[in-house]
PDB file of N, CA and C in Angstrom:
ATOM      1  N   MET A   1      10.287   3.619   6.641  1.00  0.00           N
ATOM      2  CA  MET A   1      11.088   3.754   5.693  1.00  0.00           C
ATOM      3  C   MET A   1      11.073   4.573   4.700  1.00  0.00           C
ATOM      4  N   LYS A   2      11.858   5.797   4.472  1.00  0.00           N
ATOM      5  CA  LYS A   2      11.557   6.699   3.569  1.00  0.00           C
ATOM      6  C   LYS A   2      12.217   5.907   1.763  1.00  0.00           C
ATOM      7  N   ILE A   3      11.546   6.249   1.033  1.00  0.00           N
ATOM      8  CA  ILE A   3      11.783   5.897  -0.439  1.00  0.00           C
ATOM      9  C   ILE A   3      11.359   6.633  -1.431  1.00  0.00           C
ATOM     10  N   GLU A   4      12.398   7.064  -2.330  1.00  0.00           N
ATOM     11  CA  GLU A   4      12.119   8.052  -3.134  1.00  0.00           C
ATOM     12  C   GLU A   4      12.174   7.095  -4.667  1.00  0.00           C
ATOM     13  N   THR A   5      10.925   7.560  -5.183  1.00  0.00           N
ATOM     14  CA  THR A   5      10.451   6.589  -6.508  1.00  0.00           C
ATOM     15  C   THR A   5      10.146   7.591  -7.264  1.00  0.00           C
ATOM     16  N   ASP A   6      10.854   7.080  -8.700  1.00  0.00           N
ATOM     17  CA  ASP A   6      10.479   8.262  -9.757  1.00  0.00           C
ATOM     18  C   ASP A   6       9.095   8.093 -10.542  1.00  0.00           C
ATOM     19  N   TYR A   7       8.365   7.062 -10.185  1.00  0.00           N
ATOM     20  CA  TYR A   7       6.990   7.048 -10.752  1.00  0.00           C
ATOM     21  C   TYR A   7       6.180   7.970 -10.092  1.00  0.00           C
ATOM     22  N   VAL A   8       6.231   8.811  -8.830  1.00  0.00           N
ATOM     23  CA  VAL A   8       5.316   9.725  -8.229  1.00  0.00           C
ATOM     24  C   VAL A   8       6.470  11.075  -8.206  1.00  0.00           C
ATOM     25  N   GLY A   9       7.796  10.931  -8.142  1.00  0.00           N
ATOM     26  CA  GLY A   9       8.776  11.983  -8.275  1.00  0.00           C
ATOM     27  C   GLY A   9       8.618  12.688  -6.941  1.00  0.00           C
ATOM     28  N   VAL A  10       8.124  12.386  -5.778  1.00  0.00           N
ATOM     29  CA  VAL A  10       8.518  12.599  -4.757  1.00  0.00           C
ATOM     30  C   VAL A  10       9.119  11.578  -3.723  1.00  0.00           C
ATOM     31  N   SER A  11       9.602  12.214  -2.488  1.00  0.00           N
ATOM     32  CA  SER A  11      10.049  10.903  -1.366  1.00  0.00           C
ATOM     33  C   SER A  11       8.988  10.617  -0.828  1.00  0.00           C
ATOM     34  N   LEU A  12       8.797   9.177  -0.602  1.00  0.00           N
ATOM     35  CA  LEU A  12       7.688   8.680   0.136  1.00  0.00           C
ATOM     36  C   LEU A  12       7.893   7.856   1.474  1.00  0.00           C
ATOM     37  N   GLU A  13       7.285   8.167   2.526  1.00  0.00           N
ATOM     38  CA  GLU A  13       7.648   6.914   3.535  1.00  0.00           C
ATOM     39  C   GLU A  13       6.517   6.182   3.713  1.00  0.00           C
ATOM     40  N   LEU A  14       6.965   5.107   4.058  1.00  0.00           N
ATOM     41  CA  LEU A  14       6.088   3.613   4.144  1.00  0.00           C
ATOM     42  C   LEU A  14       5.964   3.399   5.257  1.00  0.00           C
ATOM     43  N   SER A  15       4.825   2.948   5.506  1.00  0.00           N
ATOM     44  CA  SER A  15       4.647   2.903   7.415  1.00  0.00           C
ATOM     45  C   SER A  15       4.735   1.265   7.097  1.00  0.00           C
ATOM     46  N   ARG A  16       4.949   0.647   8.576  1.00  0.00           N
ATOM     47  CA  ARG A  16       4.998  -0.618   8.785  1.00  0.00           C
ATOM     48  C   ARG A  16       3.525  -0.860   8.775  1.00  0.00           C
ATOM     49  N   PRO A  17       3.148  -2.534   8.584  1.00  0.00           N
ATOM     50  CA  PRO A  17       1.767  -2.721   8.702  1.00  0.00           C
ATOM     51  C   PRO A  17       0.812  -2.417  10.005  1.00  0.00           C
ATOM     52  N   ILE A  18      -0.107  -1.991   9.883  1.00  0.00           N
ATOM     53  CA  ILE A  18      -0.616  -1.580  11.091  1.00  0.00           C
ATOM     54  C   ILE A  18      -1.860  -2.025  11.543  1.00  0.00           C
ATOM     55  N   GLY A  19      -1.997  -3.454  10.876  1.00  0.00           N
ATOM     56  CA  GLY A  19      -2.943  -4.251  11.348  1.00  0.00           C
ATOM     57  C   GLY A  19      -3.994  -4.565  10.054  1.00  0.00           C
ATOM     58  N   ALA A  20      -4.721  -5.922  10.523  1.00  0.00           N
ATOM     59  CA  ALA A  20      -5.443  -6.399   9.537  1.00  0.00           C
ATOM     60  C   ALA A  20      -7.070  -5.707   9.667  1.00  0.00           C
ATOM     61  N   ARG A  21      -7.759  -5.289   8.455  1.00  0.00           N
ATOM     62  CA  ARG A  21      -9.038  -4.644   8.316  1.00  0.00           C
ATOM     63  C   ARG A  21      -9.424  -4.724   6.904  1.00  0.00           C
ATOM     64  N   SER A  22     -10.627  -4.503   6.955  1.00  0.00           N
ATOM     65  CA  SER A  22     -11.195  -4.888   5.792  1.00  0.00           C
ATOM     66  C   SER A  22     -11.154  -3.431   4.723  1.00  0.00           C
ATOM     67  N   TRP A  23     -11.514  -3.451   3.703  1.00  0.00           N
ATOM     68  CA  TRP A  23     -11.021  -2.372   2.630  1.00  0.00           C
ATOM     69  C   TRP A  23     -11.571  -1.107   3.396  1.00  0.00           C
ATOM     70  N   ASN A  24     -13.113  -1.448   3.584  1.00  0.00           N
ATOM     71  CA  ASN A  24     -13.829  -0.500   4.022  1.00  0.00           C
ATOM     72  C   ASN A  24     -13.526   0.310   5.440  1.00  0.00           C
ATOM     73  N   GLU A  25     -12.889  -0.483   6.218  1.00  0.00           N
ATOM     74  CA  GLU A  25     -12.663   0.012   7.401  1.00  0.00           C
ATOM     75  C   GLU A  25     -11.420   0.723   7.353  1.00  0.00           C
ATOM     76  N   ALA A  26     -10.345   0.612   6.318  1.00  0.00           N
ATOM     77  CA  ALA A  26      -9.281   1.091   6.125  1.00  0.00           C
ATOM     78  C   ALA A  26      -9.320   2.177   5.262  1.00  0.00           C
ATOM     79  N   ILE A  27     -10.099   2.272   4.455  1.00  0.00           N
ATOM     80  CA  ILE A  27     -10.156   3.673   3.683  1.00  0.00           C
ATOM     81  C   ILE A  27     -11.176   4.541   4.316  1.00  0.00           C
ATOM     82  N   SER A  28     -11.884   4.414   5.146  1.00  0.00           N
ATOM     83  CA  SER A  28     -12.790   5.189   6.116  1.00  0.00           C
ATOM     84  C   SER A  28     -11.935   5.751   7.078  1.00  0.00           C
ATOM     85  N   ALA A  29     -10.933   5.064   7.812  1.00  0.00           N
ATOM     86  CA  ALA A  29     -10.223   5.722   9.107  1.00  0.00           C
ATOM     87  C   ALA A  29      -9.647   6.782   8.554  1.00  0.00           C
ATOM     88  N   SER A  30      -9.403   7.846   9.617  1.00  0.00           N
ATOM     89  CA  SER A  30      -8.890   8.861   9.807  1.00  0.00           C
ATOM     90  C   SER A  30      -7.306   8.504  10.235  1.00  0.00           C
ATOM     91  N   TYR A  31      -6.265   9.214   9.217  1.00  0.00           N
ATOM     92  CA  TYR A  31      -4.868   8.918   9.666  1.00  0.00           C
ATOM     93  C   TYR A  31      -4.202  10.319   9.900  1.00  0.00           C
ATOM     94  N   PRO A  32      -3.634  10.375  10.998  1.00  0.00           N
ATOM     95  CA  PRO A  32      -3.011  11.534  11.588  1.00  0.00           C
ATOM     96  C   PRO A  32      -1.625  12.013  10.427  1.00  0.00           C
ATOM     97  N   ASN A  33      -1.338  13.281  10.722  1.00  0.00           N
ATOM     98  CA  ASN A  33       0.450  13.599  10.054  1.00  0.00           C
ATOM     99  C   ASN A  33       0.341  13.550   8.719  1.00  0.00           C
ATOM    100  N   GLY A  34      -0.518  13.376   7.856  1.00  0.00           N
ATOM    101  CA  GLY A  34      -0.305  13.163   6.466  1.00  0.00           C
ATOM    102  C   GLY A  34      -0.299  11.848   5.906  1.00  0.00           C
ATOM    103  N   TRP A  35      -0.400  10.913   6.766  1.00  0.00           N
ATOM    104  CA  TRP A  35      -0.469   9.423   6.321  1.00  0.00           C
ATOM    105  C   TRP A  35      -1.818   9.097   5.540  1.00  0.00           C
ATOM    106  N   ARG A  36      -1.740   8.410   4.599  1.00  0.00           N
ATOM    107  CA  ARG A  36      -3.071   7.825   3.576  1.00  0.00           C
ATOM    108  C   ARG A  36      -2.224   6.525   2.873  1.00  0.00           C
ATOM    109  N   MET A  37      -3.837   6.036   2.674  1.00  0.00           N
ATOM    110  CA  MET A  37      -3.567   4.513   1.947  1.00  0.00           C
ATOM    111  C   MET A  37      -2.836   5.217   0.566  1.00  0.00           C
ATOM    112  N   PRO A  38      -1.981   4.127   0.194  1.00  0.00           N
ATOM    113  CA  PRO A  38      -1.699   4.583  -1.147  1.00  0.00           C
ATOM    114  C   PRO A  38      -2.563   3.794  -2.558  1.00  0.00           C
ATOM    115  N   THR A  39      -2.323   4.345  -3.238  1.00  0.00           N
ATOM    116  CA  THR A  39      -3.265   3.501  -4.747  1.00  0.00           C
ATOM    117  C   THR A  39      -2.206   2.614  -4.885  1.00  0.00           C
ATOM    118  N   ARG A  40      -2.942   1.681  -5.596  1.00  0.00           N
ATOM    119  CA  ARG A  40      -2.391   0.526  -6.283  1.00  0.00           C
ATOM    120  C   ARG A  40      -0.883   0.860  -6.943  1.00  0.00           C
ATOM    121  N   ALA A  41      -0.922   1.716  -7.715  1.00  0.00           N
ATOM    122  CA  ALA A  41       0.200   2.193  -8.344  1.00  0.00           C
ATOM    123  C   ALA A  41       1.611   2.721  -7.894  1.00  0.00           C
ATOM    124  N   GLU A  42       1.019   3.424  -6.467  1.00  0.00           N
ATOM    125  CA  GLU A  42       2.243   3.771  -5.575  1.00  0.00           C
ATOM    126  C   GLU A  42       2.399   2.591  -4.936  1.00  0.00           C
ATOM    127  N   LEU A  43       1.518   1.702  -4.521  1.00  0.00           N
ATOM    128  CA  LEU A  43       2.444   0.630  -3.400  1.00  0.00           C
ATOM    129  C   LEU A  43       3.053   0.077  -4.152  1.00  0.00           C
ATOM    130  N   VAL A  44       2.548  -0.564  -5.605  1.00  0.00           N
ATOM    131  CA  VAL A  44       3.683  -1.225  -6.474  1.00  0.00           C
ATOM    132  C   VAL A  44       5.216  -0.775  -6.687  1.00  0.00           C
ATOM    133  N   ALA A  45       4.957   0.901  -6.777  1.00  0.00           N
ATOM    134  CA  ALA A  45       6.434   1.584  -6.992  1.00  0.00           C
ATOM    135  C   ALA A  45       7.279   1.671  -5.875  1.00  0.00           C
ATOM    136  N   VAL A  46       6.455   1.888  -4.776  1.00  0.00           N
ATOM    137  CA  VAL A  46       7.451   1.965  -3.584  1.00  0.00           C
ATOM    138  C   VAL A  46       7.815   0.404  -3.131  1.00  0.00           C
ATOM    139  N   PHE A  47       7.081  -0.734  -3.451  1.00  0.00           N
ATOM    140  CA  PHE A  47       7.670  -1.895  -3.229  1.00  0.00           C
ATOM    141  C   PHE A  47       8.535  -2.115  -4.208  1.00  0.00           C
ATOM    142  N   ASP A  48       8.755  -1.781  -5.222  1.00  0.00           N
ATOM    143  CA  ASP A  48       9.705  -2.040  -6.504  1.00  0.00           C
ATOM    144  C   ASP A  48      11.093  -1.422  -6.181  1.00  0.00           C
ATOM    145  N   GLU A  49      10.812  -0.351  -5.712  1.00  0.00           N
ATOM    146  CA  GLU A  49      12.041   0.610  -5.322  1.00  0.00           C
ATOM    147  C   GLU A  49      12.822   0.082  -4.336  1.00  0.00           C
ATOM    148  N   ALA A  50      11.724  -0.299  -3.325  1.00  0.00           N
ATOM    149  CA  ALA A  50      12.761  -0.813  -1.863  1.00  0.00           C
ATOM    150  C   ALA A  50      13.198  -2.144  -2.067  1.00  0.00           C
ATOM    151  N   THR A  51      12.730  -3.024  -3.094  1.00  0.00           N
ATOM    152  CA  THR A  51      13.355  -4.415  -3.117  1.00  0.00           C
ATOM    153  C   THR A  51      14.183  -4.065  -4.246  1.00  0.00           C
ATOM    154  N   ASP A  52      14.246  -3.171  -5.413  1.00  0.00           N
ATOM    155  CA  ASP A  52      15.570  -2.967  -6.105  1.00  0.00           C
ATOM    156  C   ASP A  52      16.838  -2.391  -5.184  1.00  0.00           C
ATOM    157  N   SER A  53      16.627  -1.701  -4.316  1.00  0.00           N
ATOM    158  CA  SER A  53      17.550  -0.940  -3.428  1.00  0.00           C
ATOM    159  C   SER A  53      17.986  -2.312  -2.441  1.00  0.00           C
ATOM    160  N   GLY A  54      17.400  -3.497  -2.321  1.00  0.00           N
ATOM    161  CA  GLY A  54      18.001  -4.297  -1.542  1.00  0.00           C
ATOM    162  C   GLY A  54      17.397  -4.580  -0.239  1.00  0.00           C
ATOM    163  N   TYR A  55      16.097  -3.822  -0.111  1.00  0.00           N
ATOM    164  CA  TYR A  55      15.342  -4.123   0.893  1.00  0.00           C
ATOM    165  C   TYR A  55      14.391  -5.333   0.914  1.00  0.00           C
ATOM    166  N   VAL A  56      14.230  -5.879   2.119  1.00  0.00           N
ATOM    167  CA  VAL A  56      13.729  -7.249   2.197  1.00  0.00           C
ATOM    168  C   VAL A  56      12.346  -7.177   3.173  1.00  0.00           C
ATOM    169  N   PHE A  57      11.277  -7.121   2.371  1.00  0.00           N
ATOM    170  CA  PHE A  57       9.944  -7.112   3.249  1.00  0.00           C
ATOM    171  C   PHE A  57       9.913  -8.778   4.300  1.00  0.00           C
ATOM    172  N   ASN A  58      10.253  -8.471   5.664  1.00  0.00           N
ATOM    173  CA  ASN A  58      10.179  -9.943   5.944  1.00  0.00           C
ATOM    174  C   ASN A  58       8.416 -10.503   6.512  1.00  0.00           C
ATOM    175  N   ASP A  59       7.421  -9.301   6.320  1.00  0.00           N
ATOM    176  CA  ASP A  59       6.172  -9.633   6.786  1.00  0.00           C
ATOM    177  C   ASP A  59       5.304 -10.683   5.904  1.00  0.00           C
ATOM    178  N   MET A  60       5.574 -10.545   4.538  1.00  0.00           N
ATOM    179  CA  MET A  60       5.103 -11.277   3.523  1.00  0.00           C
ATOM    180  C   MET A  60       3.512 -11.232   3.642  1.00  0.00           C
ATOM    181  N   SER A  61       3.277 -10.075   3.834  1.00  0.00           N
ATOM    182  CA  SER A  61       1.845  -9.881   3.977  1.00  0.00           C
ATOM    183  C   SER A  61       1.094  -9.401   2.703  1.00  0.00           C
ATOM    184  N   VAL A  62      -0.159  -9.382   2.585  1.00  0.00           N
ATOM    185  CA  VAL A  62      -1.066  -9.035   1.387  1.00  0.00           C
ATOM    186  C   VAL A  62      -1.479  -7.534   2.285  1.00  0.00           C
ATOM    187  N   VAL A  63      -1.266  -6.789   1.161  1.00  0.00           N
ATOM    188  CA  VAL A  63      -1.635  -5.022   1.602  1.00  0.00           C
ATOM    189  C   VAL A  63      -2.691  -4.566   0.970  1.00  0.00           C
ATOM    190  N   TRP A  64      -3.746  -3.886   1.522  1.00  0.00           N
ATOM    191  CA  TRP A  64      -4.738  -3.359   0.413  1.00  0.00           C
ATOM    192  C   TRP A  64      -3.959  -1.809  -0.037  1.00  0.00           C
ATOM    193  N   SER A  65      -4.522  -1.538  -0.914  1.00  0.00           N
ATOM    194  CA  SER A  65      -4.434  -0.131  -1.848  1.00  0.00           C
ATOM    195  C   SER A  65      -5.636   0.481  -1.720  1.00  0.00           C
ATOM    196  N   ALA A  66      -5.583   1.768  -1.862  1.00  0.00           N
ATOM    197  CA  ALA A  66      -6.935   2.512  -1.771  1.00  0.00           C
ATOM    198  C   ALA A  66      -7.442   2.517  -3.315  1.00  0.00           C
ATOM    199  N   SER A  67      -7.097   1.743  -4.160  1.00  0.00           N
ATOM    200  CA  SER A  67      -7.561   1.317  -5.523  1.00  0.00           C
ATOM    201  C   SER A  67      -8.852   0.629  -5.536  1.00  0.00           C
ATOM    202  N   SER A  68     -10.131   0.884  -6.068  1.00  0.00           N
ATOM    203  CA  SER A  68     -11.065   0.064  -6.190  1.00  0.00           C
ATOM    204  C   SER A  68     -11.080  -0.595  -7.344  1.00  0.00           C
ATOM    205  N   TYR A  69     -11.310  -1.984  -7.485  1.00  0.00           N
ATOM    206  CA  TYR A  69     -11.117  -2.679  -8.703  1.00  0.00           C
ATOM    207  C   TYR A  69     -12.443  -2.356  -9.950  1.00  0.00           C
ATOM    208  N   VAL A  70     -12.163  -1.466 -10.789  1.00  0.00           N
ATOM    209  CA  VAL A  70     -13.539  -1.109 -11.763  1.00  0.00           C
ATOM    210  C   VAL A  70     -14.263  -2.196 -12.252  1.00  0.00           C
ATOM    211  N   PRO A  71     -13.820  -3.156 -12.578  1.00  0.00           N
ATOM    212  CA  PRO A  71     -15.053  -4.225 -13.290  1.00  0.00           C
ATOM    213  C   PRO A  71     -15.661  -4.474 -11.978  1.00  0.00           C
ATOM    214  N   ASP A  72     -15.452  -4.744 -10.718  1.00  0.00           N
ATOM    215  CA  ASP A  72     -16.575  -5.161  -9.566  1.00  0.00           C
ATOM    216  C   ASP A  72     -16.034  -4.304  -8.483  1.00  0.00           C
ATOM    217  N   PRO A  73     -17.070  -3.151  -8.264  1.00  0.00           N
ATOM    218  CA  PRO A  73     -17.166  -2.483  -7.047  1.00  0.00           C
ATOM    219  C   PRO A  73     -16.999  -3.089  -5.523  1.00  0.00           C
ATOM    220  N   THR A  74     -17.213  -4.301  -5.767  1.00  0.00           N
ATOM    221  CA  THR A  74     -17.082  -4.951  -4.444  1.00  0.00           C
ATOM    222  C   THR A  74     -15.660  -5.457  -4.311  1.00  0.00           C
ATOM    223  N   TYR A  75     -14.726  -5.104  -5.107  1.00  0.00           N
ATOM    224  CA  TYR A  75     -13.193  -5.580  -4.872  1.00  0.00           C
ATOM    225  C   TYR A  75     -12.582  -4.291  -5.072  1.00  0.00           C
ATOM    226  N   ALA A  76     -11.038  -4.647  -4.340  1.00  0.00           N
ATOM    227  CA  ALA A  76      -9.977  -3.508  -4.241  1.00  0.00           C
ATOM    228  C   ALA A  76      -8.805  -4.576  -4.820  1.00  0.00           C
ATOM    229  N   TRP A  77      -7.998  -3.388  -5.157  1.00  0.00           N
ATOM    230  CA  TRP A  77      -6.801  -3.883  -5.737  1.00  0.00           C
ATOM    231  C   TRP A  77      -5.686  -4.213  -4.275  1.00  0.00           C
ATOM    232  N   VAL A  78      -4.986  -5.227  -4.410  1.00  0.00           N
ATOM    233  CA  VAL A  78      -3.925  -5.454  -3.021  1.00  0.00           C
ATOM    234  C   VAL A  78      -2.780  -5.625  -3.786  1.00  0.00           C
ATOM    235  N   VAL A  79      -1.754  -5.447  -2.887  1.00  0.00           N
ATOM    236  CA  VAL A  79      -0.512  -5.762  -3.408  1.00  0.00           C
ATOM    237  C   VAL A  79       0.601  -6.977  -2.558  1.00  0.00           C
ATOM    238  N   TYR A  80       0.983  -8.086  -3.245  1.00  0.00           N
ATOM    239  CA  TYR A  80       1.164  -9.262  -2.352  1.00  0.00           C
ATOM    240  C   TYR A  80       2.973  -8.706  -1.991  1.00  0.00           C
ATOM    241  N   PHE A  81       3.359  -8.568  -0.838  1.00  0.00           N
ATOM    242  CA  PHE A  81       4.625  -8.171  -0.466  1.00  0.00           C
ATOM    243  C   PHE A  81       5.483  -9.280  -0.133  1.00  0.00           C
ATOM    244  N   ASP A  82       5.179 -10.504  -0.818  1.00  0.00           N
ATOM    245  CA  ASP A  82       6.125 -11.649  -0.892  1.00  0.00           C
ATOM    246  C   ASP A  82       6.705 -11.714  -2.415  1.00  0.00           C
ATOM    247  N   GLY A  83       6.425 -10.762  -3.274  1.00  0.00           N
ATOM    248  CA  GLY A  83       6.974 -10.663  -4.590  1.00  0.00           C
ATOM    249  C   GLY A  83       6.459  -9.326  -5.345  1.00  0.00           C
ATOM    250  N   GLY A  84       5.445  -8.605  -4.908  1.00  0.00           N
ATOM    251  CA  GLY A  84       5.101  -7.399  -5.164  1.00  0.00           C
ATOM    252  C   GLY A  84       4.185  -7.677  -6.542  1.00  0.00           C
ATOM    253  N   ASP A  85       3.547  -8.734  -6.467  1.00  0.00           N
ATOM    254  CA  ASP A  85       2.336  -8.927  -7.649  1.00  0.00           C
ATOM    255  C   ASP A  85       1.258  -8.276  -7.073  1.00  0.00           C
ATOM    256  N   SER A  86      -0.032  -8.026  -8.020  1.00  0.00           N
ATOM    257  CA  SER A  86      -1.255  -7.528  -7.354  1.00  0.00           C
ATOM    258  C   SER A  86      -2.301  -7.924  -7.771  1.00  0.00           C
ATOM    259  N   GLY A  87      -3.529  -8.183  -7.336  1.00  0.00           N
ATOM    260  CA  GLY A  87      -4.574  -8.591  -7.479  1.00  0.00           C
ATOM    261  C   GLY A  87      -5.696  -8.221  -6.986  1.00  0.00           C
ATOM    262  N   ALA A  88      -6.772  -8.256  -7.545  1.00  0.00           N
ATOM    263  CA  ALA A  88      -7.881  -7.898  -6.864  1.00  0.00           C
ATOM    264  C   ALA A  88      -8.717  -8.610  -5.846  1.00  0.00           C
ATOM    265  N   ASN A  89      -9.255  -8.664  -4.747  1.00  0.00           N
ATOM    266  CA  ASN A  89      -9.843  -9.193  -3.594  1.00  0.00           C
ATOM    267  C   ASN A  89     -11.116  -8.357  -3.193  1.00  0.00           C
ATOM    268  N   ASN A  90     -12.111  -9.072  -2.477  1.00  0.00           N
ATOM    269  CA  ASN A  90     -13.144  -8.805  -2.018  1.00  0.00           C
ATOM    270  C   ASN A  90     -12.735  -7.718  -0.867  1.00  0.00           C
ATOM    271  N   LYS A  91     -14.095  -6.962  -0.713  1.00  0.00           N
ATOM    272  CA  LYS A  91     -13.353  -5.637   0.045  1.00  0.00           C
ATOM    273  C   LYS A  91     -13.432  -6.002   1.508  1.00  0.00           C
ATOM    274  N   SER A  92     -14.396  -7.079   1.739  1.00  0.00           N
ATOM    275  CA  SER A  92     -14.678  -7.502   3.058  1.00  0.00           C
ATOM    276  C   SER A  92     -13.708  -8.324   3.829  1.00  0.00           C
ATOM    277  N   ILE A  93     -12.750  -8.701   3.042  1.00  0.00           N
ATOM    278  CA  ILE A  93     -11.695  -9.765   3.547  1.00  0.00           C
ATOM    279  C   ILE A  93     -10.784  -8.879   4.437  1.00  0.00           C
ATOM    280  N   CYS A  94     -10.247  -9.301   5.683  1.00  0.00           N
ATOM    281  CA  CYS A  94      -9.056  -8.557   6.183  1.00  0.00           C
ATOM    282  C   CYS A  94      -7.552  -8.745   5.626  1.00  0.00           C
ATOM    283  N   TYR A  95      -6.851  -7.607   5.409  1.00  0.00           N
ATOM    284  CA  TYR A  95      -5.794  -7.792   4.979  1.00  0.00           C
ATOM    285  C   TYR A  95      -4.850  -6.604   5.727  1.00  0.00           C
ATOM    286  N   ALA A  96      -3.618  -6.906   5.777  1.00  0.00           N
ATOM    287  CA  ALA A  96      -2.792  -5.467   6.059  1.00  0.00           C
ATOM    288  C   ALA A  96      -2.893  -4.488   5.497  1.00  0.00           C
ATOM    289  N   VAL A  97      -2.620  -3.183   6.450  1.00  0.00           N
ATOM    290  CA  VAL A  97      -2.682  -1.821   5.862  1.00  0.00           C
ATOM    291  C   VAL A  97      -1.410  -1.331   6.105  1.00  0.00           C
ATOM    292  N   ARG A  98      -0.850  -0.772   4.945  1.00  0.00           N
ATOM    293  CA  ARG A  98       0.455   0.204   4.952  1.00  0.00           C
ATOM    294  C   ARG A  98      -0.087   1.635   4.451  1.00  0.00           C
ATOM    295  N   LEU A  99       0.375   2.556   5.163  1.00  0.00           N
ATOM    296  CA  LEU A  99       0.245   4.008   4.533  1.00  0.00           C
ATOM    297  C   LEU A  99       1.583   4.458   4.255  1.00  0.00           C
ATOM    298  N   ILE A 100       1.297   5.409   3.288  1.00  0.00           N
ATOM    299  CA  ILE A 100       2.397   6.186   2.818  1.00  0.00           C
ATOM    300  C   ILE A 100       2.128   7.894   3.061  1.00  0.00           C
ATOM    301  N   ARG A 101       3.480   8.433   3.303  1.00  0.00           N
ATOM    302  CA  ARG A 101       2.848  10.315   3.332  1.00  0.00           C
ATOM    303  C   ARG A 101       4.156  10.397   2.488  1.00  0.00           C
ATOM    304  N   GLU A 102       4.138  11.902   1.961  1.00  0.00           N
ATOM    305  CA  GLU A 102       5.099  12.531   1.278  1.00  0.00           C
ATOM    306  C   GLU A 102       6.070  13.120   2.275  1.00  0.00           C
ATOM    307  N   VAL A 103       7.504  13.080   2.354  1.00  0.00           N
ATOM    308  CA  VAL A 103       8.418  13.567   3.094  1.00  0.00           C
ATOM    309  C   VAL A 103       9.140  14.613   2.286  1.00  0.00           C
ATOM    310  N   LYS A 104       8.976  16.066   3.031  1.00  0.00           N
ATOM    311  CA  LYS A 104       9.204  17.205   2.130  1.00  0.00           C
ATOM    312  C   LYS A 104      10.652  17.336   2.778  1.00  0.00           C
ATOM    313  N   GLY A 105      11.636  17.883   1.982  1.00  0.00           N
ATOM    314  CA  GLY A 105      13.027  18.343   2.307  1.00  0.00           C
ATOM    315  C   GLY A 105      13.617  17.056   2.395  1.00  0.00           C
TER     316      GLY A 105
END
């Protein structure tokens, strides 16, 4: 799904969920063709833009962001795709991973 967001000023493509992984597994994996884990702010911006445009996420998953939770380094930020809220959870828990990449042109 290609989404243009004002937050980052570029067009981004959001992947489908690629399976449940711990944060450490997800952040250390190698992704081809420019795909990467989004920051919390990027993931929220893409979610908001998509839902504001009428897109409905049917998977209702909790999705890891690449952003660690500063007060506790054993936690990282997640975004709840059933409403767009975010929170911090322990990095050892397995959640869905969605990737983004910049779309040029």
